[in-house]
N, C-alpha and C. Protein backbone atom coordinates (compact mmCIF):
# COMPACT_ATOMS: atom_id res chain seq x y z
N MET A 1 0.17 26.65 14.73
CA MET A 1 0.07 26.02 13.57
C MET A 1 1.20 26.42 12.62
N ILE A 2 1.63 25.52 11.84
CA ILE A 2 2.64 25.75 10.80
C ILE A 2 1.96 25.74 9.43
N GLY A 3 2.16 26.75 8.65
CA GLY A 3 1.46 26.82 7.36
C GLY A 3 2.34 26.80 6.20
N ILE A 4 1.89 26.16 5.12
CA ILE A 4 2.55 25.98 3.84
C ILE A 4 1.58 26.44 2.76
N THR A 5 2.10 27.19 1.81
CA THR A 5 1.33 27.60 0.64
C THR A 5 2.17 27.35 -0.57
N ALA A 6 1.55 26.67 -1.59
CA ALA A 6 2.38 26.40 -2.79
C ALA A 6 1.38 26.47 -4.01
N GLY A 7 1.92 26.83 -5.18
CA GLY A 7 1.09 26.91 -6.40
C GLY A 7 1.05 28.27 -6.96
N THR A 8 0.18 28.29 -8.07
CA THR A 8 0.01 29.52 -8.76
C THR A 8 -1.47 29.97 -8.63
N LEU A 9 -1.72 31.13 -8.03
CA LEU A 9 -3.13 31.56 -7.94
C LEU A 9 -3.46 32.27 -9.20
N SER A 10 -4.40 31.75 -9.97
CA SER A 10 -4.78 32.41 -11.17
C SER A 10 -6.16 31.81 -11.56
N GLU A 11 -6.79 32.16 -12.64
CA GLU A 11 -8.03 31.70 -13.02
C GLU A 11 -7.92 30.12 -13.25
N THR A 12 -6.86 29.66 -13.84
CA THR A 12 -6.79 28.22 -14.15
C THR A 12 -5.73 27.58 -13.34
N GLY A 13 -5.17 28.25 -12.38
CA GLY A 13 -3.99 27.70 -11.59
C GLY A 13 -4.47 26.83 -10.39
N ASN A 14 -3.57 26.15 -9.84
CA ASN A 14 -3.79 25.38 -8.59
C ASN A 14 -2.97 25.98 -7.50
N TYR A 15 -3.59 26.06 -6.35
CA TYR A 15 -2.96 26.66 -5.13
C TYR A 15 -3.29 25.81 -3.96
N TYR A 16 -2.37 25.47 -3.13
CA TYR A 16 -2.59 24.64 -2.08
C TYR A 16 -2.24 25.27 -0.69
N GLN A 17 -2.98 25.05 0.31
CA GLN A 17 -2.66 25.56 1.65
C GLN A 17 -2.74 24.41 2.64
N ILE A 18 -1.80 24.16 3.41
CA ILE A 18 -1.78 23.19 4.53
C ILE A 18 -1.37 23.94 5.79
N ALA A 19 -1.96 23.66 6.83
CA ALA A 19 -1.60 24.06 8.18
C ALA A 19 -1.79 22.92 9.04
N VAL A 20 -0.69 22.74 9.98
CA VAL A 20 -0.58 21.59 10.82
C VAL A 20 -0.21 22.10 12.20
N ASN A 21 -0.88 21.58 13.22
CA ASN A 21 -0.55 21.88 14.66
C ASN A 21 0.90 21.41 14.97
N ARG A 22 1.79 22.29 15.28
CA ARG A 22 3.08 21.91 15.47
C ARG A 22 3.42 21.27 16.80
N ASP A 23 2.47 21.12 17.71
CA ASP A 23 2.57 20.51 18.99
C ASP A 23 2.13 19.04 19.01
N LEU A 24 1.77 18.43 17.87
CA LEU A 24 1.33 17.11 17.80
C LEU A 24 2.39 16.07 18.05
N SER A 25 2.14 15.02 18.91
CA SER A 25 2.94 13.92 19.13
C SER A 25 2.78 12.93 18.03
N PRO A 26 3.68 12.02 17.74
CA PRO A 26 3.49 10.97 16.72
C PRO A 26 2.21 10.14 17.04
N GLY A 27 1.49 9.87 15.96
CA GLY A 27 0.28 9.13 16.04
C GLY A 27 -0.67 9.53 14.97
N THR A 28 -1.90 8.93 14.96
CA THR A 28 -2.82 9.28 13.84
C THR A 28 -3.97 10.11 14.43
N TYR A 29 -4.36 11.14 13.76
CA TYR A 29 -5.46 11.98 14.22
C TYR A 29 -6.53 12.18 13.11
N GLU A 30 -7.77 12.17 13.56
CA GLU A 30 -8.83 12.23 12.54
C GLU A 30 -9.31 13.72 12.33
N HIS A 31 -9.74 14.05 11.20
CA HIS A 31 -10.33 15.31 10.99
C HIS A 31 -11.80 15.31 11.46
N THR A 32 -12.11 16.36 12.23
CA THR A 32 -13.47 16.49 12.91
C THR A 32 -14.28 17.59 12.39
N GLY A 33 -13.67 18.49 11.65
CA GLY A 33 -14.39 19.62 11.21
C GLY A 33 -14.43 20.74 12.19
N GLY A 34 -13.80 20.56 13.32
CA GLY A 34 -13.80 21.57 14.44
C GLY A 34 -12.62 22.51 14.39
N ILE A 35 -12.70 23.56 15.15
CA ILE A 35 -11.65 24.55 15.21
C ILE A 35 -10.36 24.10 15.72
N SER A 36 -10.40 22.99 16.46
CA SER A 36 -9.17 22.50 17.06
C SER A 36 -8.65 21.27 16.18
N ASP A 37 -9.00 21.18 14.92
CA ASP A 37 -8.50 20.02 14.13
C ASP A 37 -6.99 20.10 14.07
N PRO A 38 -6.36 18.98 13.98
CA PRO A 38 -4.89 18.99 13.92
C PRO A 38 -4.26 19.49 12.65
N MET A 39 -5.15 19.53 11.51
CA MET A 39 -4.56 19.99 10.25
C MET A 39 -5.69 20.67 9.47
N VAL A 40 -5.37 21.66 8.66
CA VAL A 40 -6.33 22.24 7.74
C VAL A 40 -5.76 22.14 6.39
N PHE A 41 -6.50 21.77 5.41
CA PHE A 41 -6.03 21.57 4.03
C PHE A 41 -6.96 22.12 3.09
N MET A 42 -6.56 23.08 2.21
CA MET A 42 -7.46 23.65 1.16
C MET A 42 -6.79 23.54 -0.15
N ILE A 43 -7.66 23.46 -1.16
CA ILE A 43 -7.20 23.42 -2.59
C ILE A 43 -7.98 24.43 -3.34
N PHE A 44 -7.30 25.27 -4.11
CA PHE A 44 -7.99 26.20 -5.02
C PHE A 44 -7.64 25.75 -6.29
N SER A 45 -8.59 25.40 -7.19
CA SER A 45 -8.41 24.87 -8.51
C SER A 45 -9.43 25.33 -9.46
N ASN A 46 -9.01 26.02 -10.51
CA ASN A 46 -9.98 26.48 -11.52
C ASN A 46 -11.11 27.31 -10.92
N GLN A 47 -10.73 28.20 -10.14
CA GLN A 47 -11.71 29.06 -9.38
C GLN A 47 -12.68 28.33 -8.41
N LEU A 48 -12.34 27.14 -8.13
CA LEU A 48 -13.22 26.42 -7.17
C LEU A 48 -12.27 26.23 -5.81
N VAL A 49 -12.97 26.24 -4.71
CA VAL A 49 -12.30 26.03 -3.43
C VAL A 49 -12.77 24.69 -2.73
N PHE A 50 -11.83 23.88 -2.49
CA PHE A 50 -12.07 22.57 -1.94
C PHE A 50 -11.50 22.58 -0.48
N SER A 51 -12.22 22.06 0.45
CA SER A 51 -11.70 21.89 1.79
C SER A 51 -11.94 20.55 2.27
N GLU A 52 -11.29 20.05 3.36
CA GLU A 52 -11.39 18.63 3.83
C GLU A 52 -12.78 18.37 4.33
N ASN A 53 -13.26 17.16 3.98
CA ASN A 53 -14.58 16.65 4.50
C ASN A 53 -14.25 15.60 5.58
N GLU A 54 -13.37 14.74 5.25
CA GLU A 54 -12.99 13.76 6.23
C GLU A 54 -11.55 13.28 5.92
N GLY A 55 -10.84 12.80 6.76
CA GLY A 55 -9.50 12.23 6.51
C GLY A 55 -8.77 12.12 7.85
N THR A 56 -7.44 11.82 7.69
CA THR A 56 -6.48 11.58 8.74
C THR A 56 -5.17 12.28 8.46
N ILE A 57 -4.42 12.54 9.58
CA ILE A 57 -3.07 12.89 9.46
C ILE A 57 -2.30 12.00 10.45
N THR A 58 -1.23 11.49 9.98
CA THR A 58 -0.39 10.61 10.80
C THR A 58 1.02 11.24 10.99
N ILE A 59 1.26 11.75 12.29
CA ILE A 59 2.57 12.34 12.58
C ILE A 59 3.59 11.21 12.77
N LEU A 60 4.64 11.24 11.90
CA LEU A 60 5.60 10.27 11.82
C LEU A 60 6.78 10.66 12.89
N SER A 61 7.06 11.91 12.86
CA SER A 61 8.02 12.45 13.88
C SER A 61 7.80 13.89 14.01
N ASN A 62 8.19 14.36 15.26
CA ASN A 62 8.03 15.77 15.45
C ASN A 62 9.10 16.18 16.58
N ASP A 63 10.17 16.80 16.00
CA ASP A 63 11.26 17.24 16.96
C ASP A 63 11.00 18.70 17.23
N THR A 64 10.47 19.06 18.40
CA THR A 64 10.29 20.42 18.78
C THR A 64 11.42 21.21 19.10
N ILE A 65 12.58 20.54 19.27
CA ILE A 65 13.83 21.23 19.54
C ILE A 65 14.48 21.66 18.23
N LEU A 66 14.67 20.66 17.35
CA LEU A 66 15.17 21.01 16.04
C LEU A 66 14.18 21.63 15.06
N LYS A 67 12.94 21.60 15.51
CA LYS A 67 11.75 22.24 14.74
C LYS A 67 11.67 21.61 13.42
N LYS A 68 11.45 20.22 13.40
CA LYS A 68 11.20 19.52 12.11
C LYS A 68 10.07 18.54 12.41
N ILE A 69 9.07 18.48 11.53
CA ILE A 69 7.96 17.59 11.58
C ILE A 69 7.72 16.90 10.28
N GLU A 70 7.37 15.60 10.34
CA GLU A 70 7.15 14.80 9.19
C GLU A 70 5.76 14.08 9.38
N PHE A 71 4.99 14.06 8.33
CA PHE A 71 3.65 13.52 8.43
C PHE A 71 3.13 12.96 7.10
N ASP A 72 2.22 12.06 7.22
CA ASP A 72 1.42 11.57 6.08
C ASP A 72 -0.06 12.07 6.24
N PHE A 73 -0.71 12.16 5.17
CA PHE A 73 -2.15 12.63 5.25
C PHE A 73 -2.89 12.06 4.09
N GLU A 74 -4.24 11.92 4.32
CA GLU A 74 -5.19 11.68 3.25
C GLU A 74 -6.53 12.29 3.62
N PHE A 75 -7.11 12.82 2.58
CA PHE A 75 -8.39 13.52 2.79
C PHE A 75 -9.39 13.35 1.68
N GLU A 76 -10.68 13.37 1.89
CA GLU A 76 -11.60 13.63 0.87
C GLU A 76 -11.93 15.08 0.93
N MET A 77 -11.81 15.76 -0.17
CA MET A 77 -12.06 17.22 -0.26
C MET A 77 -13.37 17.49 -0.93
N LEU A 78 -14.17 18.38 -0.48
CA LEU A 78 -15.45 18.80 -1.05
C LEU A 78 -15.31 20.17 -1.57
N GLU A 79 -15.92 20.44 -2.69
CA GLU A 79 -16.01 21.84 -3.27
C GLU A 79 -16.97 22.62 -2.37
N ASN A 80 -16.54 23.76 -1.96
CA ASN A 80 -17.16 24.51 -0.91
C ASN A 80 -18.61 25.03 -1.32
N ASN A 81 -18.89 25.34 -2.53
CA ASN A 81 -20.27 25.91 -2.85
C ASN A 81 -21.30 24.87 -3.00
N SER A 82 -21.14 23.95 -3.92
CA SER A 82 -22.16 23.03 -4.20
C SER A 82 -21.95 21.61 -3.62
N HIS A 83 -20.77 21.39 -3.16
CA HIS A 83 -20.44 20.03 -2.67
C HIS A 83 -20.61 18.92 -3.75
N SER A 84 -20.71 19.25 -4.95
CA SER A 84 -20.98 18.31 -6.01
C SER A 84 -19.64 17.66 -6.56
N ASP A 85 -18.57 18.33 -6.33
CA ASP A 85 -17.27 17.88 -6.88
C ASP A 85 -16.38 17.52 -5.67
N THR A 86 -15.65 16.45 -5.81
CA THR A 86 -14.88 15.97 -4.72
C THR A 86 -13.36 15.68 -5.18
N ILE A 87 -12.43 15.76 -4.37
CA ILE A 87 -11.03 15.46 -4.76
C ILE A 87 -10.62 14.52 -3.65
N LEU A 88 -9.99 13.39 -3.96
CA LEU A 88 -9.40 12.49 -3.03
C LEU A 88 -7.89 12.73 -3.07
N VAL A 89 -7.33 13.05 -1.86
CA VAL A 89 -5.89 13.18 -1.64
C VAL A 89 -5.46 11.94 -0.93
N THR A 90 -4.69 11.11 -1.62
CA THR A 90 -4.14 9.88 -1.02
C THR A 90 -2.61 9.94 -1.04
N GLU A 91 -1.94 9.25 -0.16
CA GLU A 91 -0.47 9.27 -0.08
C GLU A 91 0.12 10.60 0.00
N GLY A 92 -0.50 11.52 0.74
CA GLY A 92 0.04 12.86 0.97
C GLY A 92 1.18 12.70 1.98
N HIS A 93 2.27 13.44 1.81
CA HIS A 93 3.44 13.43 2.67
C HIS A 93 4.07 14.79 2.77
N ALA A 94 4.49 15.18 3.95
CA ALA A 94 5.24 16.42 4.11
C ALA A 94 6.37 16.28 5.11
N LYS A 95 7.39 17.00 4.87
CA LYS A 95 8.51 17.07 5.82
C LYS A 95 8.82 18.57 5.93
N ILE A 96 8.63 19.18 7.08
CA ILE A 96 8.70 20.61 7.27
C ILE A 96 9.73 20.95 8.34
N SER A 97 10.47 21.95 8.06
CA SER A 97 11.33 22.56 9.12
C SER A 97 10.68 23.96 9.38
N TYR A 98 10.41 24.23 10.71
CA TYR A 98 9.76 25.51 11.00
C TYR A 98 10.58 26.33 12.05
């Protein structure tokens, strides 16, 4: 897995974590909620933790020799404790050198 962390961790800050399987071939993959999911995405916002409920990741390119991966993603995120709050992540895009 390749991991990215961004943001400010504080009482009112936003903090994002993404991890993607670096061995994925180009194509679209569904989130299943299992340990072998192609991607893990978490959001920490105002002391709440959101994790993906459902969504997809589309690998646009993955050069394992130059170690560069590019992908699009979209997820519905649920708040972990009550599941009463949701966040929709649409038009997510990442380009990572690892």
